[in-house]
Amino acid sequence: MELKMTSKELLQLLTNCKERFELVNTKPEKTEALFYDEVKPTFEKIMNQANAWKPLAEAWVKEQKPKYVHLSQIESTLDNIEQVVLQSFYKDVNKQRFHNLHHSVEYIVNSILAEIEERD
């Protein structure tokens, strides 16, 4: 199933963001080089994956009507993915906020995966 594969790939990319955030010990200087060499390509790659995931997830929610996942959560998850990716590069972000956003995204994607597994 395409949603299952896309969700797993998205989770892996978000895990990479979390690992990057944990490894940043000092606040990096916000330079154009950092932005164009690292931030922009990573952001585009993950958002392409997230934008591919969103319509699949929305269609699945409409069709399957899961008990704990709703359409509004899919939209919020997309917004949160954006923030997780961008914030993973910078240490001046509140650690608690970053982890809450990451956990929120993980929860929704894992909830969808669990429902798919249960129904298969």
N, C-alpha and C. Protein backbone atom coordinates (compact mmCIF):
# COMPACT_ATOMS: atom_id res chain seq x y z
N MET A 1 0.85 -1.19 0.00
CA MET A 1 0.00 0.00 0.00
C MET A 1 0.88 1.24 0.00
N GLU A 2 0.53 2.18 -0.85
CA GLU A 2 1.36 3.37 -1.02
C GLU A 2 1.42 4.25 0.24
N LEU A 3 0.29 4.39 0.92
CA LEU A 3 0.26 5.22 2.14
C LEU A 3 1.20 4.64 3.20
N LYS A 4 1.20 3.34 3.34
CA LYS A 4 2.05 2.68 4.32
C LYS A 4 3.53 2.96 4.04
N MET A 5 3.93 2.78 2.79
CA MET A 5 5.33 2.99 2.40
C MET A 5 5.72 4.47 2.58
N THR A 6 4.87 5.36 2.12
CA THR A 6 5.13 6.80 2.21
C THR A 6 5.23 7.23 3.68
N SER A 7 4.37 6.68 4.52
CA SER A 7 4.38 7.02 5.95
C SER A 7 5.68 6.57 6.61
N LYS A 8 6.12 5.36 6.28
CA LYS A 8 7.36 4.84 6.86
C LYS A 8 8.56 5.67 6.42
N GLU A 9 8.60 6.05 5.14
CA GLU A 9 9.69 6.90 4.64
C GLU A 9 9.68 8.26 5.33
N LEU A 10 8.49 8.81 5.52
CA LEU A 10 8.36 10.11 6.19
C LEU A 10 8.85 10.02 7.63
N LEU A 11 8.50 8.95 8.31
CA LEU A 11 8.97 8.76 9.70
C LEU A 11 10.49 8.69 9.76
N GLN A 12 11.11 8.02 8.79
CA GLN A 12 12.56 7.92 8.77
C GLN A 12 13.20 9.30 8.57
N LEU A 13 12.65 10.08 7.67
CA LEU A 13 13.17 11.43 7.43
C LEU A 13 13.03 12.29 8.68
N LEU A 14 11.93 12.14 9.39
CA LEU A 14 11.71 12.92 10.62
C LEU A 14 12.62 12.45 11.75
N THR A 15 12.94 11.17 11.77
CA THR A 15 13.90 10.65 12.74
C THR A 15 15.26 11.27 12.48
N ASN A 16 15.61 11.41 11.21
CA ASN A 16 16.88 12.08 10.85
C ASN A 16 16.89 13.51 11.35
N CYS A 17 15.77 14.21 11.27
CA CYS A 17 15.67 15.58 11.77
C CYS A 17 15.90 15.62 13.27
N LYS A 18 15.29 14.67 13.96
CA LYS A 18 15.43 14.62 15.42
C LYS A 18 16.88 14.36 15.80
N GLU A 19 17.53 13.44 15.10
CA GLU A 19 18.94 13.14 15.37
C GLU A 19 19.82 14.36 15.10
N ARG A 20 19.53 15.07 14.02
CA ARG A 20 20.30 16.28 13.69
C ARG A 20 20.13 17.31 14.80
N PHE A 21 18.90 17.49 15.28
CA PHE A 21 18.63 18.45 16.34
C PHE A 21 19.41 18.10 17.61
N GLU A 22 19.45 16.83 17.93
CA GLU A 22 20.16 16.37 19.13
C GLU A 22 21.67 16.57 19.00
N LEU A 23 22.20 16.49 17.78
CA LEU A 23 23.64 16.60 17.56
C LEU A 23 24.14 18.04 17.50
N VAL A 24 23.24 18.99 17.26
CA VAL A 24 23.65 20.39 17.19
C VAL A 24 23.93 20.88 18.61
N ASN A 25 25.20 21.05 18.94
CA ASN A 25 25.57 21.46 20.30
C ASN A 25 25.66 22.97 20.46
N THR A 26 26.05 23.63 19.40
CA THR A 26 26.17 25.08 19.47
C THR A 26 25.24 25.70 18.44
N LYS A 27 24.87 26.89 18.71
CA LYS A 27 23.99 27.62 17.80
C LYS A 27 24.77 27.95 16.52
N PRO A 28 24.37 27.37 15.37
CA PRO A 28 25.11 27.66 14.15
C PRO A 28 24.81 29.07 13.66
N GLU A 29 25.76 29.64 12.99
CA GLU A 29 25.56 30.96 12.42
C GLU A 29 24.62 30.81 11.23
N LYS A 30 23.59 31.63 11.19
CA LYS A 30 22.61 31.54 10.11
C LYS A 30 23.18 32.21 8.86
N THR A 31 23.90 31.44 8.08
CA THR A 31 24.54 31.97 6.87
C THR A 31 23.78 31.51 5.63
N GLU A 32 24.04 32.20 4.53
CA GLU A 32 23.45 31.78 3.27
C GLU A 32 23.95 30.41 2.86
N ALA A 33 25.22 30.14 3.14
CA ALA A 33 25.80 28.84 2.78
C ALA A 33 25.07 27.71 3.50
N LEU A 34 24.85 27.87 4.79
CA LEU A 34 24.12 26.84 5.55
C LEU A 34 22.73 26.66 4.96
N PHE A 35 22.08 27.76 4.66
CA PHE A 35 20.72 27.68 4.14
C PHE A 35 20.68 26.96 2.79
N TYR A 36 21.50 27.40 1.84
CA TYR A 36 21.43 26.83 0.49
C TYR A 36 22.08 25.45 0.38
N ASP A 37 23.06 25.16 1.21
CA ASP A 37 23.75 23.87 1.13
C ASP A 37 23.06 22.77 1.92
N GLU A 38 22.42 23.13 3.02
CA GLU A 38 21.84 22.10 3.89
C GLU A 38 20.34 22.26 4.11
N VAL A 39 19.92 23.41 4.59
CA VAL A 39 18.53 23.59 4.99
C VAL A 39 17.58 23.44 3.81
N LYS A 40 17.80 24.19 2.75
CA LYS A 40 16.88 24.19 1.61
C LYS A 40 16.73 22.82 0.95
N PRO A 41 17.84 22.11 0.63
CA PRO A 41 17.67 20.79 0.00
C PRO A 41 16.96 19.78 0.91
N THR A 42 17.29 19.81 2.19
CA THR A 42 16.65 18.89 3.13
C THR A 42 15.17 19.22 3.27
N PHE A 43 14.87 20.50 3.40
CA PHE A 43 13.49 20.94 3.53
C PHE A 43 12.68 20.51 2.30
N GLU A 44 13.23 20.74 1.11
CA GLU A 44 12.51 20.39 -0.12
C GLU A 44 12.28 18.88 -0.22
N LYS A 45 13.28 18.10 0.13
CA LYS A 45 13.16 16.64 0.07
C LYS A 45 12.06 16.15 1.00
N ILE A 46 12.07 16.62 2.24
CA ILE A 46 11.09 16.15 3.22
C ILE A 46 9.70 16.68 2.90
N MET A 47 9.60 17.92 2.46
CA MET A 47 8.28 18.46 2.15
C MET A 47 7.70 17.81 0.89
N ASN A 48 8.54 17.41 -0.05
CA ASN A 48 8.03 16.65 -1.20
C ASN A 48 7.41 15.34 -0.73
N GLN A 49 8.09 14.68 0.21
CA GLN A 49 7.57 13.43 0.77
C GLN A 49 6.28 13.71 1.55
N ALA A 50 6.28 14.76 2.34
CA ALA A 50 5.10 15.11 3.14
C ALA A 50 3.92 15.48 2.24
N ASN A 51 4.20 16.21 1.16
CA ASN A 51 3.14 16.60 0.23
C ASN A 51 2.61 15.41 -0.56
N ALA A 52 3.42 14.38 -0.74
CA ALA A 52 2.95 13.14 -1.36
C ALA A 52 2.11 12.34 -0.37
N TRP A 53 2.48 12.42 0.90
CA TRP A 53 1.78 11.68 1.97
C TRP A 53 0.40 12.27 2.25
N LYS A 54 0.29 13.59 2.24
CA LYS A 54 -0.96 14.26 2.66
C LYS A 54 -2.20 13.79 1.89
N PRO A 55 -2.22 13.82 0.54
CA PRO A 55 -3.45 13.38 -0.14
C PRO A 55 -3.77 11.90 0.09
N LEU A 56 -2.72 11.10 0.22
CA LEU A 56 -2.94 9.67 0.51
C LEU A 56 -3.58 9.49 1.88
N ALA A 57 -3.07 10.24 2.86
CA ALA A 57 -3.60 10.16 4.22
C ALA A 57 -5.04 10.70 4.27
N GLU A 58 -5.28 11.80 3.58
CA GLU A 58 -6.64 12.37 3.58
C GLU A 58 -7.64 11.41 2.94
N ALA A 59 -7.25 10.82 1.82
CA ALA A 59 -8.14 9.86 1.14
C ALA A 59 -8.40 8.66 2.04
N TRP A 60 -7.36 8.21 2.72
CA TRP A 60 -7.50 7.06 3.63
C TRP A 60 -8.44 7.38 4.79
N VAL A 61 -8.30 8.57 5.37
CA VAL A 61 -9.18 8.98 6.48
C VAL A 61 -10.63 9.06 6.02
N LYS A 62 -10.86 9.62 4.83
CA LYS A 62 -12.23 9.73 4.31
C LYS A 62 -12.83 8.35 4.05
N GLU A 63 -12.01 7.45 3.54
CA GLU A 63 -12.49 6.11 3.19
C GLU A 63 -12.65 5.20 4.41
N GLN A 64 -11.64 5.19 5.28
CA GLN A 64 -11.63 4.25 6.40
C GLN A 64 -12.31 4.77 7.67
N LYS A 65 -12.43 6.09 7.77
CA LYS A 65 -13.03 6.73 8.95
C LYS A 65 -12.47 6.17 10.28
N PRO A 66 -11.14 6.31 10.48
CA PRO A 66 -10.55 5.80 11.72
C PRO A 66 -11.07 6.59 12.93
N LYS A 67 -11.08 5.92 14.06
CA LYS A 67 -11.65 6.51 15.27
C LYS A 67 -10.82 7.68 15.81
N TYR A 68 -9.49 7.60 15.72
CA TYR A 68 -8.63 8.58 16.39
C TYR A 68 -7.82 9.48 15.46
N VAL A 69 -8.07 9.44 14.17
CA VAL A 69 -7.37 10.31 13.23
C VAL A 69 -8.41 11.03 12.38
N HIS A 70 -8.29 12.37 12.32
CA HIS A 70 -9.28 13.17 11.59
C HIS A 70 -8.58 14.03 10.54
N LEU A 71 -9.34 14.51 9.57
CA LEU A 71 -8.78 15.30 8.48
C LEU A 71 -8.02 16.53 8.97
N SER A 72 -8.55 17.20 9.97
CA SER A 72 -7.88 18.42 10.47
C SER A 72 -6.49 18.09 11.02
N GLN A 73 -6.32 16.88 11.55
CA GLN A 73 -5.02 16.47 12.08
C GLN A 73 -4.00 16.27 10.97
N ILE A 74 -4.46 15.88 9.80
CA ILE A 74 -3.55 15.68 8.66
C ILE A 74 -2.95 17.03 8.27
N GLU A 75 -3.80 18.05 8.20
CA GLU A 75 -3.33 19.40 7.85
C GLU A 75 -2.37 19.93 8.91
N SER A 76 -2.71 19.76 10.17
CA SER A 76 -1.83 20.20 11.27
C SER A 76 -0.50 19.46 11.24
N THR A 77 -0.56 18.19 10.90
CA THR A 77 0.66 17.39 10.83
C THR A 77 1.58 17.93 9.76
N LEU A 78 1.03 18.31 8.63
CA LEU A 78 1.86 18.88 7.56
C LEU A 78 2.55 20.16 8.03
N ASP A 79 1.81 21.03 8.72
CA ASP A 79 2.39 22.25 9.27
C ASP A 79 3.50 21.93 10.28
N ASN A 80 3.25 20.94 11.12
CA ASN A 80 4.23 20.56 12.13
C ASN A 80 5.49 19.95 11.51
N ILE A 81 5.32 19.22 10.42
CA ILE A 81 6.49 18.65 9.72
C ILE A 81 7.40 19.78 9.25
N GLU A 82 6.79 20.82 8.67
CA GLU A 82 7.55 21.99 8.23
C GLU A 82 8.40 22.55 9.36
N GLN A 83 7.77 22.72 10.51
CA GLN A 83 8.48 23.29 11.66
C GLN A 83 9.59 22.37 12.17
N VAL A 84 9.32 21.08 12.23
CA VAL A 84 10.32 20.12 12.69
C VAL A 84 11.56 20.18 11.80
N VAL A 85 11.34 20.18 10.50
CA VAL A 85 12.48 20.21 9.56
C VAL A 85 13.30 21.47 9.75
N LEU A 86 12.65 22.61 9.73
CA LEU A 86 13.37 23.87 9.85
C LEU A 86 14.07 24.02 11.20
N GLN A 87 13.37 23.66 12.26
CA GLN A 87 13.94 23.83 13.60
C GLN A 87 15.05 22.83 13.90
N SER A 88 15.12 21.75 13.16
CA SER A 88 16.15 20.75 13.42
C SER A 88 17.56 21.25 13.11
N PHE A 89 17.66 22.32 12.36
CA PHE A 89 18.96 22.87 11.99
C PHE A 89 19.51 23.88 12.99
N TYR A 90 18.67 24.39 13.86
CA TYR A 90 19.09 25.49 14.71
C TYR A 90 18.92 25.18 16.19
N LYS A 91 19.91 25.56 16.98
CA LYS A 91 19.89 25.26 18.41
C LYS A 91 19.13 26.31 19.22
N ASP A 92 18.80 27.44 18.63
CA ASP A 92 18.10 28.48 19.38
C ASP A 92 16.60 28.21 19.52
N VAL A 93 16.21 27.00 19.21
CA VAL A 93 14.82 26.58 19.32
C VAL A 93 14.62 25.93 20.68
N ASN A 94 13.47 26.17 21.28
CA ASN A 94 13.15 25.56 22.56
C ASN A 94 13.08 24.04 22.38
N LYS A 95 13.90 23.33 23.15
CA LYS A 95 14.01 21.88 23.04
C LYS A 95 12.67 21.19 23.28
N GLN A 96 11.95 21.64 24.29
CA GLN A 96 10.64 21.07 24.62
C GLN A 96 9.66 21.22 23.46
N ARG A 97 9.64 22.41 22.87
CA ARG A 97 8.74 22.67 21.74
C ARG A 97 9.09 21.77 20.56
N PHE A 98 10.37 21.65 20.26
CA PHE A 98 10.80 20.80 19.15
C PHE A 98 10.33 19.36 19.38
N HIS A 99 10.59 18.84 20.57
CA HIS A 99 10.22 17.45 20.86
C HIS A 99 8.70 17.25 20.86
N ASN A 100 7.95 18.25 21.31
CA ASN A 100 6.48 18.16 21.26
C ASN A 100 5.98 18.10 19.82
N LEU A 101 6.54 18.96 18.96
CA LEU A 101 6.15 18.95 17.55
C LEU A 101 6.49 17.61 16.90
N HIS A 102 7.71 17.15 17.16
CA HIS A 102 8.15 15.88 16.58
C HIS A 102 7.25 14.74 17.06
N HIS A 103 6.96 14.73 18.34
CA HIS A 103 6.11 13.67 18.90
C HIS A 103 4.70 13.72 18.30
N SER A 104 4.18 14.90 18.10
CA SER A 104 2.86 15.07 17.53
C SER A 104 2.79 14.48 16.12
N VAL A 105 3.79 14.78 15.32
CA VAL A 105 3.85 14.25 13.95
C VAL A 105 3.98 12.73 13.99
N GLU A 106 4.88 12.26 14.81
CA GLU A 106 5.11 10.81 14.94
C GLU A 106 3.83 10.09 15.37
N TYR A 107 3.11 10.68 16.29
CA TYR A 107 1.89 10.07 16.81
C TYR A 107 0.86 9.87 15.69
N ILE A 108 0.63 10.91 14.90
CA ILE A 108 -0.37 10.82 13.83
C ILE A 108 0.05 9.80 12.78
N VAL A 109 1.30 9.87 12.34
CA VAL A 109 1.76 8.95 11.29
C VAL A 109 1.75 7.51 11.82
N ASN A 110 2.20 7.31 13.06
CA ASN A 110 2.17 5.97 13.65
C ASN A 110 0.75 5.47 13.88
N SER A 111 -0.17 6.36 14.19
CA SER A 111 -1.58 5.97 14.37
C SER A 111 -2.15 5.45 13.05
N ILE A 112 -1.82 6.13 11.97
CA ILE A 112 -2.27 5.69 10.65
C ILE A 112 -1.66 4.33 10.33
N LEU A 113 -0.36 4.18 10.57
CA LEU A 113 0.30 2.90 10.29
C LEU A 113 -0.31 1.77 11.13
N ALA A 114 -0.59 2.03 12.38
CA ALA A 114 -1.18 1.01 13.25
C ALA A 114 -2.56 0.59 12.76
N GLU A 115 -3.36 1.56 12.33
CA GLU A 115 -4.70 1.25 11.80
C GLU A 115 -4.59 0.42 10.52
N ILE A 116 -3.64 0.77 9.66
CA ILE A 116 -3.45 0.01 8.41
C ILE A 116 -3.06 -1.43 8.74
N GLU A 117 -2.11 -1.59 9.67
CA GLU A 117 -1.65 -2.93 10.06
C GLU A 117 -2.82 -3.74 10.63
N GLU A 118 -3.64 -3.09 11.44
CA GLU A 118 -4.76 -3.76 12.09
C GLU A 118 -5.80 -4.24 11.07
N ARG A 119 -5.98 -3.44 10.02
CA ARG A 119 -7.00 -3.75 9.01
C ARG A 119 -6.51 -4.73 7.96
N ASP A 120 -5.21 -4.92 7.85
CA ASP A 120 -4.65 -5.85 6.84
C ASP A 120 -4.80 -7.30 7.23
